[in-house]
């Protein structure tokens, strides 16, 4: 049996090229699924410590090397039939590379902006932007030169996501509308519909967004079910359908599993933030439509008693922020009376004191201190339930705050 040196060289080259892509794709943790996480990293809350920056720079160098190798592989591929797939893999690497550079540039921008605001820089720094120019250019080349590639829809999907993340929502919508009718995979179809709904929502077309999100509710087991429900609540809220908004948010709140199933990367908020937001907008809605009594009836009717303390606290705080001090005190008193173990009681007493103080009722304000010690001090139900170092510190800080106010 004779070996063909040319064929052997060709196979070896293909093997090496495949190894390069597998190695770098694995090293860079690029999602292999068509609907992997594609959101932009939020740098607003990152602590710019040396170790984090060092690790980020390392990832950027790795991504730069990966793109360099991939470009070389594309130029030297011996079999033209492999070129479309290699180009697509290169375009995926370009996405990862650009996002890493964007993250570092965003950190640099934040630092420079702070210096500018302090007068240490003369000119305001330009804000970094994502363009995905290289990825879109490569994908257009594949679509134009190889229109029959089996992963054509994947290319279109990737283009749509790039357009969406760079603010070109109209271009993204065109592709989503094109892909949805012929998509046979349930999860991917749900994502396409959800992304389309996001386009409508972001442009303020809440009626069309609502109709789009509702299509996802036909399949309760869809991983996008909870996210669609969350955005449906928002659509109702933005359209002033307050009753429907409250009911939708309450449904999410009642079944905690739904919030746990929401993809925080796509929504852009953590599960804790989502739950807090749902509670806030239920309270906010009742502050405008009915107030305390209807909220209590709603809590009882919907069976969300575990969220009663937080809902009442949020309602009282909304009244406090609006200078409706009597309504705030009434709401706070109900929490103090019926939710004796609620962890935020010290904050409630502090706000109750401020209500009386702002109303000019100093005598009632001073009495809040004694009530606070009785309800939250040593031996109280609150103290025994919240018997942690953190809670004890909160109690002492609140008492000190009250004493300072009384003394002034």
Protein backbone atom coordinates (compact mmCIF):
# COMPACT_ATOMS: atom_id res chain seq x y z
CA UNK A 1 0.00 0.00 0.00
CA UNK A 2 1.47 3.33 -1.06
CA UNK A 3 0.97 6.65 0.67
CA UNK A 4 0.29 9.78 -1.33
CA UNK A 5 2.56 12.49 0.16
CA UNK A 6 0.32 15.27 -1.10
CA UNK A 7 -2.77 13.72 0.42
CA UNK A 8 -0.94 13.01 3.67
CA UNK A 9 0.24 16.64 3.82
CA UNK A 10 -3.29 17.84 3.16
CA UNK A 11 -4.81 15.66 5.87
CA UNK A 12 -2.13 16.68 8.32
CA UNK A 13 -2.77 20.36 7.60
CA UNK A 14 -6.50 19.90 8.15
CA UNK A 15 -5.79 18.09 11.41
CA UNK A 16 -3.51 20.91 12.61
CA UNK A 17 -6.04 23.57 11.65
CA UNK A 18 -8.81 21.70 13.47
CA UNK A 19 -6.61 21.37 16.54
CA UNK A 20 -5.91 25.11 16.54
CA UNK A 21 -9.62 25.96 16.50
CA UNK A 22 -10.59 23.36 19.09
CA UNK A 23 -7.75 24.47 21.37
CA UNK A 24 -8.49 28.16 21.19
CA UNK A 25 -12.25 27.81 21.30
CA UNK A 26 -11.89 25.73 24.44
CA UNK A 27 -9.34 28.10 25.97
CA UNK A 28 -11.53 31.14 25.35
CA UNK A 29 -14.73 29.49 26.58
CA UNK A 30 -16.68 30.50 23.51
CA UNK A 31 -20.21 29.08 23.69
CA UNK A 32 -20.64 26.23 21.26
CA UNK A 33 -24.43 26.47 21.15
CA UNK A 34 -26.18 28.68 18.68
CA UNK A 35 -28.00 30.51 21.46
CA UNK A 36 -25.16 30.97 23.95
CA UNK A 37 -24.80 34.07 26.12
CA UNK A 38 -24.15 37.05 23.86
CA UNK A 39 -24.59 40.03 26.15
CA UNK A 40 -21.96 42.67 26.62
CA UNK A 41 -20.03 42.57 29.87
CA UNK A 42 -21.15 45.31 32.26
CA UNK A 43 -18.05 46.97 33.75
CA UNK A 44 -19.88 49.51 35.92
CA UNK A 45 -19.56 47.46 39.10
CA UNK A 46 -16.10 45.91 38.49
CA UNK A 47 -13.42 46.55 41.06
CA UNK A 48 -10.37 47.61 39.08
CA UNK A 49 -7.88 45.57 41.07
CA UNK A 50 -4.55 44.55 39.66
CA UNK A 51 -5.29 40.82 39.57
CA UNK A 52 -8.51 41.28 37.61
CA UNK A 53 -6.84 43.56 35.06
CA UNK A 54 -3.89 41.17 34.78
CA UNK A 55 -6.24 38.26 34.07
CA UNK A 56 -8.20 40.32 31.55
CA UNK A 57 -5.03 41.35 29.71
CA UNK A 58 -4.00 37.68 29.63
CA UNK A 59 -7.33 36.73 28.03
CA UNK A 60 -6.95 39.52 25.49
CA UNK A 61 -3.47 38.31 24.51
CA UNK A 62 -4.80 34.76 24.15
CA UNK A 63 -7.67 36.00 21.99
CA UNK A 64 -5.30 38.05 19.82
CA UNK A 65 -3.10 34.98 19.29
CA UNK A 66 -6.14 32.83 18.50
CA UNK A 67 -7.34 35.29 15.86
CA UNK A 68 -3.83 35.50 14.39
CA UNK A 69 -3.61 31.69 14.07
CA UNK A 70 -7.15 31.49 12.68
CA UNK A 71 -6.42 34.09 10.01
CA UNK A 72 -3.28 32.21 9.01
CA UNK A 73 -5.24 28.96 8.84
CA UNK A 74 -7.82 30.60 6.57
CA UNK A 75 -5.10 31.89 4.24
CA UNK A 76 -3.35 28.51 4.03
CA UNK A 77 -6.25 26.05 4.02
CA UNK A 78 -5.51 23.45 1.30
CA UNK A 79 -9.12 22.43 0.71
CA UNK A 80 -11.44 25.27 -0.37
CA UNK A 81 -14.48 23.31 0.83
CA UNK A 82 -13.26 23.86 4.39
CA UNK A 83 -12.96 27.62 3.97
CA UNK A 84 -16.56 28.62 4.84
CA UNK A 85 -16.45 26.73 8.17
CA UNK A 86 -13.01 28.12 9.03
CA UNK A 87 -14.17 31.65 8.20
CA UNK A 88 -17.20 31.24 10.46
CA UNK A 89 -15.01 30.04 13.30
CA UNK A 90 -12.75 33.03 12.72
CA UNK A 91 -15.74 35.38 12.90
CA UNK A 92 -16.72 33.81 16.26
CA UNK A 93 -13.20 34.35 17.57
CA UNK A 94 -13.40 37.97 16.43
CA UNK A 95 -16.52 38.45 18.57
CA UNK A 96 -14.78 37.16 21.67
CA UNK A 97 -11.70 39.26 20.95
CA UNK A 98 -13.67 42.47 20.42
CA UNK A 99 -15.70 41.98 23.61
CA UNK A 100 -12.56 41.49 25.69
CA UNK A 101 -10.97 44.61 24.21
CA UNK A 102 -14.24 46.48 24.80
CA UNK A 103 -14.25 45.46 28.45
CA UNK A 104 -10.70 46.73 28.98
CA UNK A 105 -11.39 49.93 27.05
CA UNK A 106 -14.54 50.50 29.13
CA UNK A 107 -12.48 50.24 32.29
CA UNK A 108 -9.96 52.71 30.89
CA UNK A 109 -12.82 55.02 29.90
CA UNK A 110 -14.31 54.96 33.42
CA UNK A 111 -10.94 55.87 34.92
CA UNK A 112 -10.34 58.68 32.42
CA UNK A 113 -13.89 59.99 32.89
CA UNK A 114 -13.35 60.24 36.64
CA UNK A 115 -10.11 62.14 36.02
CA UNK A 116 -11.92 64.46 33.60
CA UNK A 117 -14.70 65.11 36.13
CA UNK A 118 -12.04 66.00 38.72
CA UNK A 119 -10.43 68.44 36.29
CA UNK A 120 -7.30 66.35 35.80
CA UNK A 121 -7.97 65.82 32.07
CA UNK A 122 -8.73 68.69 29.71
CA UNK A 123 -10.86 66.78 27.22
CA UNK A 124 -13.69 64.35 27.94
CA UNK A 125 -12.62 60.86 26.80
CA UNK A 126 -14.53 59.22 23.92
CA UNK A 127 -16.79 56.38 25.01
CA UNK A 128 -15.75 52.97 23.60
CA UNK A 129 -18.08 51.28 21.15
CA UNK A 130 -18.76 47.77 19.95
CA UNK A 131 -19.03 47.44 16.17
CA UNK A 132 -18.40 43.76 15.41
CA UNK A 133 -17.15 45.08 12.09
CA UNK A 134 -14.74 42.19 11.47
CA UNK A 135 -17.34 39.54 12.29
CA UNK A 136 -20.00 41.08 10.06
CA UNK A 137 -17.51 41.52 7.22
CA UNK A 138 -16.45 37.86 7.41
CA UNK A 139 -20.03 36.62 7.63
CA UNK A 140 -21.09 38.72 4.64
CA UNK A 141 -18.21 37.22 2.67
CA UNK A 142 -19.40 33.69 3.51
CA UNK A 143 -23.02 34.48 2.63
CA UNK A 144 -22.08 36.11 -0.67
CA UNK A 145 -19.45 33.59 -1.82
CA UNK A 146 -20.98 30.42 -0.37
CA UNK A 147 -24.79 30.96 -0.35
CA UNK A 148 -25.56 27.25 0.10
CA UNK A 149 -23.53 26.57 3.26
CA UNK A 150 -25.46 24.31 5.68
CA UNK A 151 -24.96 26.79 8.55
CA UNK A 152 -26.40 29.77 6.65
CA UNK A 153 -29.08 30.35 9.30
CA UNK A 154 -26.44 30.33 12.02
CA UNK A 155 -24.59 33.07 10.16
CA UNK A 156 -27.78 35.11 9.86
CA UNK A 157 -28.52 34.60 13.55
CA UNK A 158 -25.05 35.75 14.52
CA UNK A 159 -25.39 38.82 12.32
CA UNK A 160 -28.73 39.63 13.93
CA UNK A 161 -27.22 39.44 17.42
CA UNK A 162 -24.33 41.68 16.35
CA UNK A 163 -26.76 44.20 14.89
CA UNK A 164 -28.90 44.07 18.04
CA UNK A 165 -25.99 44.61 20.42
CA UNK A 166 -24.66 47.54 18.39
CA UNK A 167 -28.04 49.29 18.32
CA UNK A 168 -28.99 48.45 14.74
CA UNK A 169 -32.36 47.07 15.77
CA UNK A 170 -34.05 47.48 12.38
CA UNK A 171 -31.44 45.27 10.70
CA UNK A 172 -31.76 42.74 13.53
CA UNK A 173 -35.57 42.66 13.19
CA UNK A 174 -35.39 41.89 9.48
CA UNK A 175 -33.27 38.80 10.16
CA UNK A 176 -35.35 37.62 13.14
CA UNK A 177 -38.54 37.88 11.07
CA UNK A 178 -36.84 35.90 8.31
CA UNK A 179 -35.56 33.12 10.57
CA UNK A 180 -38.60 32.56 12.84
CA UNK A 181 -41.00 30.96 10.29
CA UNK A 182 -38.51 28.32 9.19
CA UNK A 183 -36.95 27.53 12.57
CA UNK A 184 -37.78 23.97 13.68
CA UNK A 185 -35.92 23.91 17.00
CA UNK A 186 -38.23 25.02 19.83
CA UNK A 187 -35.67 26.64 22.12
CA UNK A 188 -33.97 28.56 19.33
CA UNK A 189 -37.32 29.67 17.93
CA UNK A 190 -38.34 30.95 21.37
CA UNK A 191 -35.12 32.92 21.59
CA UNK A 192 -35.62 34.44 18.15
CA UNK A 193 -39.14 35.49 19.10
CA UNK A 194 -37.90 36.91 22.41
CA UNK A 195 -35.13 38.88 20.70
CA UNK A 196 -37.68 40.24 18.22
CA UNK A 197 -39.87 41.29 21.13
CA UNK A 198 -36.89 43.06 22.66
CA UNK A 199 -36.44 45.05 19.45
CA UNK A 200 -40.06 46.21 19.56
CA UNK A 201 -39.83 46.93 23.30
CA UNK A 202 -36.65 49.00 22.96
CA UNK A 203 -38.21 51.17 20.27
CA UNK A 204 -41.28 51.79 22.46
CA UNK A 205 -43.71 49.69 20.41
CA UNK A 206 -45.13 47.97 23.50
CA UNK A 207 -48.27 46.63 21.81
CA UNK A 208 -46.26 44.77 19.20
CA UNK A 209 -43.75 43.66 21.82
CA UNK A 210 -46.59 42.29 23.97
CA UNK A 211 -48.04 40.27 21.08
CA UNK A 212 -44.57 38.93 20.27
CA UNK A 213 -43.70 37.89 23.85
CA UNK A 214 -47.11 36.20 24.24
CA UNK A 215 -46.22 33.71 21.49
CA UNK A 216 -43.60 32.20 23.81
CA UNK A 217 -46.21 31.47 26.51
CA UNK A 218 -47.66 28.71 24.32
CA UNK A 219 -44.87 26.45 25.61
CA UNK A 220 -44.66 26.52 29.42
CA UNK A 221 -41.47 24.43 29.43
CA UNK A 222 -39.58 26.90 27.24
CA UNK A 223 -36.48 28.36 28.92
CA UNK A 224 -37.70 31.74 27.65
CA UNK A 225 -41.15 31.42 29.27
CA UNK A 226 -40.25 33.31 32.46
CA UNK A 227 -38.32 36.01 30.61
CA UNK A 228 -41.27 36.55 28.26
CA UNK A 229 -43.63 36.77 31.24
CA UNK A 230 -41.37 39.34 32.92
CA UNK A 231 -41.33 41.51 29.79
CA UNK A 232 -45.10 41.09 29.34
CA UNK A 233 -45.50 42.58 32.82
CA UNK A 234 -43.33 45.48 31.72
CA UNK A 235 -45.34 45.97 28.53
CA UNK A 236 -48.58 46.18 30.52
CA UNK A 237 -46.95 48.60 32.93
CA UNK A 238 -45.63 50.87 30.17
CA UNK A 239 -49.06 50.77 28.48
CA UNK A 240 -50.76 51.75 31.80
CA UNK A 241 -52.53 48.38 32.02
CA UNK A 242 -51.84 48.44 35.74
CA UNK A 243 -54.13 45.53 36.71
CA UNK A 244 -52.56 43.23 34.11
CA UNK A 245 -49.07 44.40 35.07
CA UNK A 246 -49.66 43.65 38.76
CA UNK A 247 -51.14 40.23 37.99
CA UNK A 248 -48.21 39.31 35.76
CA UNK A 249 -45.56 40.46 38.24
CA UNK A 250 -47.41 38.69 41.04
CA UNK A 251 -47.45 35.44 39.06
CA UNK A 252 -43.68 35.70 38.77
CA UNK A 253 -43.34 36.49 42.46
CA UNK A 254 -45.62 33.67 43.52
CA UNK A 255 -43.69 31.02 41.59
CA UNK A 256 -40.09 31.73 42.58
CA UNK A 257 -38.94 29.07 40.13
CA UNK A 258 -39.91 31.38 37.28
CA UNK A 259 -37.54 34.11 38.47
CA UNK A 260 -34.84 31.48 38.98
CA UNK A 261 -35.28 30.42 35.35
CA UNK A 262 -34.78 33.92 33.97
CA UNK A 263 -31.46 34.28 32.16
CA UNK A 264 -29.93 37.24 33.97
CA UNK A 265 -27.32 37.69 31.22
CA UNK A 266 -29.95 38.29 28.54
CA UNK A 267 -32.14 40.48 30.78
CA UNK A 268 -29.10 42.27 32.18
CA UNK A 269 -30.09 41.90 35.84
CA UNK A 270 -29.42 39.35 38.56
CA UNK A 271 -32.21 37.19 39.98
CA UNK A 272 -32.07 39.19 43.23
CA UNK A 273 -32.41 42.44 41.27
CA UNK A 274 -35.31 41.01 39.26
CA UNK A 275 -37.20 39.93 42.36
CA UNK A 276 -36.59 43.29 44.01
CA UNK A 277 -37.80 45.07 40.89
CA UNK A 278 -40.98 42.99 40.69
CA UNK A 279 -41.80 43.79 44.33
CA UNK A 280 -41.00 47.48 43.80
CA UNK A 281 -43.36 47.84 40.86
CA UNK A 282 -46.20 46.02 42.57
CA UNK A 283 -45.84 48.43 45.49
CA UNK A 284 -45.44 51.37 43.13
CA UNK A 285 -48.62 50.42 41.26
CA UNK A 286 -50.66 50.20 44.46
CA UNK A 287 -49.29 53.55 45.65
CA UNK A 288 -50.99 55.10 42.60
CA UNK A 289 -54.10 52.93 42.60
CA UNK A 290 -55.70 52.35 45.99
CA UNK A 291 -52.89 52.27 48.50
CA UNK A 292 -52.52 50.12 51.60
CA UNK A 293 -55.95 48.50 51.92
CA UNK A 294 -56.14 47.15 48.33
CA UNK A 295 -52.53 45.92 48.61
CA UNK A 296 -53.38 43.94 51.75
CA UNK A 297 -56.37 42.41 49.98
CA UNK A 298 -54.23 41.58 46.98
CA UNK A 299 -51.57 39.90 49.13
CA UNK A 300 -54.21 37.76 50.83
CA UNK A 301 -56.02 36.89 47.61
CA UNK A 302 -52.85 35.94 45.75
CA UNK A 303 -51.34 34.03 48.66
CA UNK A 304 -48.00 35.87 48.64
CA UNK A 305 -47.83 36.32 52.42
CA UNK A 306 -44.08 35.63 52.47
CA UNK A 307 -43.56 38.84 50.51
CA UNK A 308 -45.95 40.89 52.68
CA UNK A 309 -43.25 42.60 54.82
CA UNK A 310 -41.22 43.68 51.81
CA UNK A 311 -44.27 44.86 49.84
CA UNK A 312 -45.51 46.94 52.77
CA UNK A 313 -42.06 48.36 53.41
CA UNK A 314 -41.71 49.38 49.75
CA UNK A 315 -45.17 50.99 49.79
CA UNK A 316 -44.33 52.92 52.97
CA UNK A 317 -41.01 54.01 51.50
CA UNK A 318 -42.73 55.27 48.33
CA UNK A 319 -45.07 57.35 50.49
CA UNK A 320 -42.06 58.61 52.45
CA UNK A 321 -40.23 59.66 49.26
CA UNK A 322 -43.35 61.53 48.12
CA UNK A 323 -43.71 63.32 51.49
CA UNK A 324 -46.98 61.52 52.23
CA UNK A 325 -45.85 61.10 55.82
CA UNK A 326 -49.14 60.10 57.43
CA UNK A 327 -49.67 57.31 54.88
CA UNK A 328 -46.05 56.23 55.36
CA UNK A 329 -46.42 56.07 59.16
CA UNK A 330 -49.63 54.07 58.85
CA UNK A 331 -47.92 51.57 56.54
CA UNK A 332 -44.77 51.35 58.68
CA UNK A 333 -46.87 50.77 61.83
CA UNK A 334 -48.57 47.81 60.18
CA UNK A 335 -45.21 46.24 59.38
CA UNK A 336 -44.00 46.82 62.95
CA UNK A 337 -47.18 45.26 64.34
CA UNK A 338 -47.58 42.25 62.04
CA UNK A 339 -44.04 41.50 60.86
CA UNK A 340 -42.09 41.50 64.13
CA UNK A 341 -39.21 39.44 62.71
CA UNK A 342 -38.73 41.45 59.53
CA UNK A 343 -35.03 42.13 59.09
CA UNK A 344 -35.52 45.71 57.93
CA UNK A 345 -37.42 46.89 61.04
CA UNK A 346 -34.53 49.16 62.14
CA UNK A 347 -34.72 50.99 58.81
CA UNK A 348 -38.48 51.31 59.20
CA UNK A 349 -38.11 52.88 62.66
CA UNK A 350 -35.53 55.29 61.28
CA UNK A 351 -37.89 56.38 58.50
CA UNK A 352 -40.82 56.60 60.93
CA UNK A 353 -38.78 58.98 63.11
CA UNK A 354 -38.02 61.12 60.05
CA UNK A 355 -41.70 61.24 59.12
CA UNK A 356 -42.63 62.73 62.50
CA UNK A 357 -39.63 65.06 62.40
CA UNK A 358 -40.54 66.40 58.95
CA UNK A 359 -44.12 66.90 60.15
CA UNK A 360 -42.81 68.95 63.08
CA UNK A 361 -44.04 66.41 65.65
CA UNK A 362 -40.95 66.20 67.81
CA UNK A 363 -42.67 64.53 70.76
CA UNK A 364 -43.91 61.63 68.63
CA UNK A 365 -40.50 61.43 66.97
CA UNK A 366 -38.75 61.05 70.34
CA UNK A 367 -41.19 58.26 71.27
CA UNK A 368 -40.01 56.26 68.25
CA UNK A 369 -36.69 55.64 70.01
CA UNK A 370 -38.30 53.88 72.95
CA UNK A 371 -40.56 51.88 70.66
CA UNK A 372 -37.52 50.84 68.64
CA UNK A 373 -35.68 49.56 71.73
CA UNK A 374 -38.76 47.63 72.82
CA UNK A 375 -39.37 46.02 69.42
CA UNK A 376 -35.78 45.41 68.31
CA UNK A 377 -33.65 45.60 71.45
CA UNK A 378 -32.26 42.81 73.61
CA UNK A 379 -34.83 40.11 74.39
CA UNK A 380 -37.22 41.16 71.60
CA UNK A 381 -38.53 38.72 68.99
CA UNK A 382 -36.67 40.65 66.32
CA UNK A 383 -33.36 40.39 68.19
CA UNK A 384 -33.78 36.66 68.81
CA UNK A 385 -34.69 35.97 65.17
CA UNK A 386 -32.00 38.22 63.69
CA UNK A 387 -29.27 37.20 66.11
CA UNK A 388 -26.28 37.88 63.87
CA UNK A 389 -23.31 40.19 64.16
CA UNK A 390 -24.53 42.17 61.17
CA UNK A 391 -28.05 42.62 62.60
CA UNK A 392 -26.67 43.64 65.99
CA UNK A 393 -24.48 46.21 64.27
CA UNK A 394 -27.51 47.56 62.37
CA UNK A 395 -29.45 47.89 65.64
CA UNK A 396 -26.61 49.79 67.32
CA UNK A 397 -26.09 52.07 64.30
CA UNK A 398 -29.83 52.87 64.10
CA UNK A 399 -30.01 53.61 67.84
CA UNK A 400 -26.98 55.88 67.57
CA UNK A 401 -28.57 57.65 64.61
CA UNK A 402 -31.79 58.25 66.56
CA UNK A 403 -29.85 59.54 69.56
CA UNK A 404 -27.94 61.96 67.36
CA UNK A 405 -31.13 63.32 65.87
CA UNK A 406 -32.77 63.73 69.24
CA UNK A 407 -29.69 65.56 70.53
CA UNK A 408 -29.71 68.12 67.69
